[in-house]
Amino acid sequence: MDLSRRAMLGAMGGLVAGGALASFSGSSMAANTPAMSEGRNGHFAQMGGEFSWEPKKLVAAECAPVAYDGYWYKGFGCGYGVFYSIIGTMAEKYGAPYNTYPFSMMEMFKGGVSDWGTVCGALAGAAAAFFCFFPRKEANPMVSELFRWYEKTAFPIYNPGDAAQGFKGELPTSVSRSVLCHVSVSTWCHTTGKAANSKERSERCGRITADVSAKAIEILNAKIDAGKEWKGALAKQESVAGCTTCHGKGQMSDMQKGNMDCTPCHSGSSAVADKFHNHP
């Protein structure tokens, strides 16, 4: 199945489902419509119930190229690529309900959410996929495992070879130590000497989309096998563990919120020195 057909699944899934439901009436419609969960104060009720989608195991090596292609498809970017490689692949294999999601919505994660450079869109797309199936007490450890892996990994890893769409050949790598798009991209550009708007940088992010997809699927498969007992293997970052002894919940200076590595922004290095006063 080529990418254009894959991309149509998200748009067509809702239309097909809507058209099919519209053709039913009375008991026929009731028999073919999933039960609605009880809504809050009579408002929204989720079809099938909250977290009612069943996760399916996938093959990371098969989904990584889908993620890479998804990054380039219409410029939708990294969040779309990762999310589609997971939920879209389930849609290809199993149909509903996975094919009813408006996949193009995931374009919002491009550039760290509408080019604001916040969380890496690839990570956001993976987290969104996790939360399609699991409530936060189960999904949060999955997100933590993925994010901690991202902070310490030299990217990119994936190489599409002749299928490369932005730049062919090997690319230099860097470790961002941050889940933020702004820091991840800027660190790579500073390390490699490549411009943020270069073809090499775009290719780098396309390949990272494949890398994150593969790791997210590894985590998802492990979670499916272990169930509620699953726990990640990566420990809390040293900086987070250290800083929260003073700045964490219930401590003398409770001002820290979050789990990302503290060092990229608080190390005192030249990269985070004061650049706003007397700047040439």
Protein backbone atom coordinates (compact mmCIF):
# COMPACT_ATOMS: atom_id res chain seq x y z
CA MET A 1 0.00 0.00 0.00
CA ASP A 2 1.59 3.28 -1.11
CA LEU A 3 1.70 6.38 1.05
CA SER A 4 -1.03 8.25 -0.84
CA ARG A 5 -3.43 5.43 -0.10
CA ARG A 6 -2.30 5.35 3.52
CA ALA A 7 -2.86 9.06 3.84
CA MET A 8 -6.41 8.69 2.52
CA LEU A 9 -7.30 6.31 5.34
CA GLY A 10 -7.50 9.07 7.91
CA ALA A 11 -9.72 11.26 5.79
CA MET A 12 -11.84 8.48 4.33
CA GLY A 13 -12.21 6.50 7.55
CA GLY A 14 -14.49 9.05 9.14
CA LEU A 15 -16.45 9.57 5.93
CA VAL A 16 -17.00 5.86 5.41
CA ALA A 17 -18.03 5.37 9.02
CA GLY A 18 -20.34 8.38 8.88
CA GLY A 19 -21.91 7.33 5.59
CA ALA A 20 -22.45 3.80 6.82
CA LEU A 21 -24.12 4.96 10.01
CA ALA A 22 -26.33 7.37 8.11
CA SER A 23 -27.67 4.50 6.01
CA PHE A 24 -28.90 2.62 9.04
CA SER A 25 -32.02 3.28 11.09
CA GLY A 26 -33.75 1.95 14.19
CA SER A 27 -32.49 -1.38 15.51
CA SER A 28 -30.11 -1.82 12.57
CA MET A 29 -28.17 1.30 13.55
CA ALA A 30 -28.19 0.35 17.23
CA ALA A 31 -26.84 -3.09 16.40
CA ASN A 32 -23.90 -1.67 14.44
CA THR A 33 -22.94 1.24 16.68
CA PRO A 34 -20.54 0.72 19.62
CA ALA A 35 -22.00 1.46 23.03
CA MET A 36 -21.55 5.04 24.24
CA SER A 37 -19.96 5.61 27.61
CA GLU A 38 -21.66 7.85 30.13
CA GLY A 39 -20.79 11.45 29.45
CA ARG A 40 -19.91 14.14 31.98
CA ASN A 41 -23.04 15.97 33.16
CA GLY A 42 -24.92 14.82 30.11
CA HIS A 43 -22.35 16.13 27.63
CA PHE A 44 -19.74 14.25 25.58
CA ALA A 45 -19.84 10.47 25.68
CA GLN A 46 -17.02 8.59 23.98
CA MET A 47 -17.96 5.89 21.52
CA GLY A 48 -16.96 2.50 22.88
CA GLY A 49 -15.89 3.94 26.22
CA GLU A 50 -12.70 5.68 27.37
CA PHE A 51 -9.48 3.99 26.27
CA SER A 52 -11.54 1.35 24.50
CA TRP A 53 -9.21 0.86 21.53
CA GLU A 54 -7.23 -2.38 21.71
CA PRO A 55 -3.50 -1.96 21.03
CA LYS A 56 -1.97 -4.23 18.41
CA LYS A 57 1.65 -5.34 18.23
CA LEU A 58 3.58 -4.02 15.23
CA VAL A 59 6.95 -4.64 13.57
CA ALA A 60 9.20 -1.65 14.08
CA ALA A 61 11.27 -2.34 10.97
CA GLU A 62 8.11 -2.24 8.85
CA CYS A 63 6.77 0.95 10.41
CA ALA A 64 9.96 3.03 10.41
CA PRO A 65 9.84 3.62 6.61
CA VAL A 66 6.15 4.54 6.94
CA ALA A 67 7.09 7.14 9.55
CA TYR A 68 9.85 8.51 7.33
CA ASP A 69 7.49 8.77 4.34
CA GLY A 70 4.85 10.35 6.57
CA TYR A 71 7.27 13.09 7.57
CA TRP A 72 7.56 14.16 3.92
CA TYR A 73 3.94 13.60 2.91
CA LYS A 74 2.51 17.06 2.08
CA GLY A 75 4.99 18.47 4.58
CA PHE A 76 2.89 17.16 7.47
CA GLY A 77 6.04 16.50 9.47
CA CYS A 78 7.32 14.41 12.33
CA GLY A 79 4.27 14.15 14.59
CA TYR A 80 2.10 13.00 11.71
CA GLY A 81 4.76 10.55 10.54
CA VAL A 82 5.15 8.81 13.89
CA PHE A 83 1.46 8.75 14.77
CA TYR A 84 0.48 7.47 11.34
CA SER A 85 3.18 4.78 11.40
CA ILE A 86 1.53 3.37 14.54
CA ILE A 87 -2.21 4.05 14.32
CA GLY A 88 -2.25 4.17 10.52
CA THR A 89 -0.50 0.81 10.26
CA MET A 90 -3.10 -0.66 12.60
CA ALA A 91 -5.74 0.87 10.32
CA GLU A 92 -4.18 -0.82 7.29
CA LYS A 93 -4.07 -4.17 9.04
CA TYR A 94 -7.27 -4.12 11.09
CA GLY A 95 -9.56 -1.36 9.79
CA ALA A 96 -11.95 0.22 12.31
CA PRO A 97 -11.70 1.87 14.73
CA TYR A 98 -8.11 2.83 13.84
CA ASN A 99 -9.09 4.12 10.38
CA THR A 100 -11.55 6.65 11.82
CA TYR A 101 -8.91 9.02 13.19
CA PRO A 102 -8.38 12.38 11.41
CA PHE A 103 -4.66 11.78 10.89
CA SER A 104 -3.95 15.13 9.26
CA MET A 105 -4.68 16.73 12.64
CA MET A 106 -1.19 15.58 13.68
CA GLU A 107 0.37 18.21 11.44
CA MET A 108 0.03 20.53 14.43
CA PHE A 109 3.13 18.91 15.96
CA LYS A 110 5.38 19.96 13.07
CA GLY A 111 8.27 22.14 14.22
CA GLY A 112 7.57 21.52 17.88
CA VAL A 113 3.86 22.47 17.61
CA SER A 114 3.18 24.95 14.81
CA ASP A 115 6.89 25.85 14.54
CA TRP A 116 7.12 27.02 18.15
CA GLY A 117 10.02 24.67 18.91
CA THR A 118 8.45 23.13 21.99
CA VAL A 119 8.32 19.34 22.42
CA CYS A 120 9.74 17.41 19.47
CA GLY A 121 6.76 16.56 17.27
CA ALA A 122 7.94 12.99 16.75
CA LEU A 123 7.77 12.42 20.50
CA ALA A 124 4.37 14.12 20.72
CA GLY A 125 3.01 11.89 17.95
CA ALA A 126 4.22 8.78 19.76
CA ALA A 127 2.78 9.94 23.09
CA ALA A 128 -0.56 10.63 21.40
CA ALA A 129 -0.55 7.08 20.04
CA PHE A 130 0.14 5.65 23.50
CA PHE A 131 -2.77 7.59 24.94
CA CYS A 132 -5.14 6.15 22.34
CA PHE A 133 -4.99 2.95 24.40
CA PHE A 134 -3.84 3.62 27.94
CA PRO A 135 -4.76 6.08 30.74
CA ARG A 136 -1.99 8.28 32.08
CA LYS A 137 -0.95 5.98 34.95
CA GLU A 138 -0.02 3.38 32.35
CA ALA A 139 0.96 5.66 29.46
CA ASN A 140 3.15 8.05 31.47
CA PRO A 141 5.89 5.42 32.08
CA MET A 142 5.85 4.67 28.35
CA VAL A 143 6.31 8.34 27.56
CA SER A 144 9.09 8.66 30.15
CA GLU A 145 10.95 5.70 28.68
CA LEU A 146 10.74 7.15 25.17
CA PHE A 147 11.67 10.69 26.20
CA ARG A 148 14.65 9.59 28.32
CA TRP A 149 15.91 7.47 25.43
CA TYR A 150 15.58 10.45 23.11
CA GLU A 151 17.57 12.74 25.43
CA LYS A 152 20.62 10.47 25.46
CA THR A 153 20.65 9.05 21.91
CA ALA A 154 22.85 10.25 19.05
CA PHE A 155 20.53 11.06 16.12
CA PRO A 156 19.83 10.31 13.38
CA ILE A 157 20.16 6.52 13.26
CA TYR A 158 17.84 5.53 10.41
CA ASN A 159 19.15 5.80 6.86
CA PRO A 160 16.66 5.38 4.00
CA GLY A 161 19.44 4.92 1.46
CA ASP A 162 18.32 5.61 -2.11
CA ALA A 163 14.79 6.29 -0.81
CA ALA A 164 15.99 9.48 0.88
CA GLN A 165 13.76 12.43 0.03
CA GLY A 166 15.75 15.37 1.35
CA PHE A 167 19.43 14.42 1.33
CA LYS A 168 21.10 11.15 0.39
CA GLY A 169 24.05 9.75 2.28
CA GLU A 170 25.30 9.64 5.84
CA LEU A 171 24.46 12.47 8.19
CA PRO A 172 26.44 13.59 11.25
CA THR A 173 24.84 12.96 14.61
CA SER A 174 24.47 14.74 17.93
CA VAL A 175 22.97 14.09 21.36
CA SER A 176 20.47 16.80 22.26
CA ARG A 177 19.96 15.97 25.95
CA SER A 178 16.58 17.61 25.49
CA VAL A 179 13.12 16.66 24.23
CA LEU A 180 12.54 20.21 22.97
CA CYS A 181 12.55 20.72 19.22
CA HIS A 182 14.35 24.05 19.60
CA VAL A 183 17.20 22.54 21.62
CA SER A 184 17.39 19.32 19.63
CA VAL A 185 17.64 21.08 16.27
CA SER A 186 19.89 23.90 17.50
CA THR A 187 22.30 21.46 19.15
CA TRP A 188 22.57 19.43 15.97
CA CYS A 189 23.10 22.52 13.86
CA HIS A 190 25.74 23.89 16.25
CA THR A 191 27.54 20.54 16.37
CA THR A 192 27.49 19.87 12.63
CA GLY A 193 27.68 23.36 11.20
CA LYS A 194 24.52 22.77 9.16
CA ALA A 195 21.85 25.46 8.86
CA ALA A 196 18.47 24.98 10.52
CA ASN A 197 16.77 25.58 7.15
CA SER A 198 19.06 23.29 5.17
CA LYS A 199 18.07 20.11 3.31
CA GLU A 200 20.35 18.17 5.62
CA ARG A 201 18.48 19.36 8.70
CA SER A 202 15.12 18.47 7.15
CA GLU A 203 16.46 15.04 6.28
CA ARG A 204 17.80 14.67 9.80
CA CYS A 205 14.33 15.25 11.26
CA GLY A 206 12.75 12.87 8.73
CA ARG A 207 15.14 10.15 9.85
CA ILE A 208 14.51 10.91 13.51
CA THR A 209 10.81 10.42 12.79
CA ALA A 210 11.63 6.85 11.76
CA ASP A 211 13.88 6.39 14.80
CA VAL A 212 11.21 7.53 17.25
CA SER A 213 8.58 5.36 15.57
CA ALA A 214 10.76 2.26 15.92
CA LYS A 215 11.48 2.93 19.60
CA ALA A 216 7.84 3.76 20.36
CA ILE A 217 6.73 0.48 18.80
CA GLU A 218 9.34 -1.40 20.82
CA ILE A 219 7.87 0.16 23.97
CA LEU A 220 4.28 -0.49 22.86
CA ASN A 221 4.99 -4.16 22.13
CA ALA A 222 6.67 -4.59 25.51
CA LYS A 223 3.69 -2.96 27.20
CA ILE A 224 1.25 -5.27 25.42
CA ASP A 225 3.26 -8.31 26.54
CA ALA A 226 3.66 -7.21 30.17
CA GLY A 227 0.31 -5.48 30.71
CA LYS A 228 -0.17 -3.19 33.69
CA GLU A 229 3.03 -4.46 35.28
CA TRP A 230 5.24 -2.96 32.56
CA LYS A 231 7.90 -0.52 33.72
CA GLY A 232 10.59 1.22 31.71
CA ALA A 233 14.26 0.36 32.03
CA LEU A 234 15.72 3.87 32.00
CA ALA A 235 16.22 5.59 35.34
CA LYS A 236 15.44 9.21 36.10
CA GLN A 237 18.13 11.54 34.80
CA GLU A 238 20.88 12.43 37.27
CA SER A 239 20.19 16.16 36.97
CA VAL A 240 16.46 15.70 37.60
CA ALA A 241 17.09 13.49 40.62
CA GLY A 242 19.57 16.00 42.00
CA CYS A 243 17.62 19.19 41.37
CA THR A 244 14.39 17.85 42.81
CA THR A 245 16.02 17.20 46.18
CA CYS A 246 15.68 20.96 46.72
CA HIS A 247 13.22 22.06 44.06
CA GLY A 248 10.79 19.13 43.97
CA LYS A 249 7.43 18.56 45.58
CA GLY A 250 7.45 19.17 49.33
CA GLN A 251 11.03 20.51 49.36
CA MET A 252 12.37 23.84 50.62
CA SER A 253 12.11 25.52 47.21
CA ASP A 254 9.26 23.77 45.42
CA MET A 255 9.47 25.42 41.99
CA GLN A 256 10.43 22.62 39.61
CA LYS A 257 7.82 20.98 37.37
CA GLY A 258 8.61 18.33 34.81
CA ASN A 259 10.98 15.46 34.10
CA MET A 260 13.27 16.63 31.31
CA ASP A 261 17.02 16.89 31.75
CA CYS A 262 17.84 20.15 33.55
CA THR A 263 21.34 20.62 32.13
CA PRO A 264 20.69 21.98 28.60
CA CYS A 265 19.06 25.13 30.01
CA HIS A 266 20.61 25.42 33.48
CA SER A 267 24.22 24.31 33.05
CA GLY A 268 25.63 27.85 32.93
CA SER A 269 27.40 27.07 29.66
CA SER A 270 28.11 29.68 27.00
CA ALA A 271 25.15 28.42 24.99
CA VAL A 272 22.72 29.54 27.68
CA ALA A 273 24.57 32.68 28.80
CA ASP A 274 22.85 36.07 28.71
CA LYS A 275 22.39 36.93 25.04
CA PHE A 276 19.87 39.72 25.52
CA HIS A 277 22.04 42.50 26.94
CA ASN A 278 24.98 44.11 25.12
CA HIS A 279 24.65 41.56 22.33
CA PRO A 280 26.70 42.50 19.23
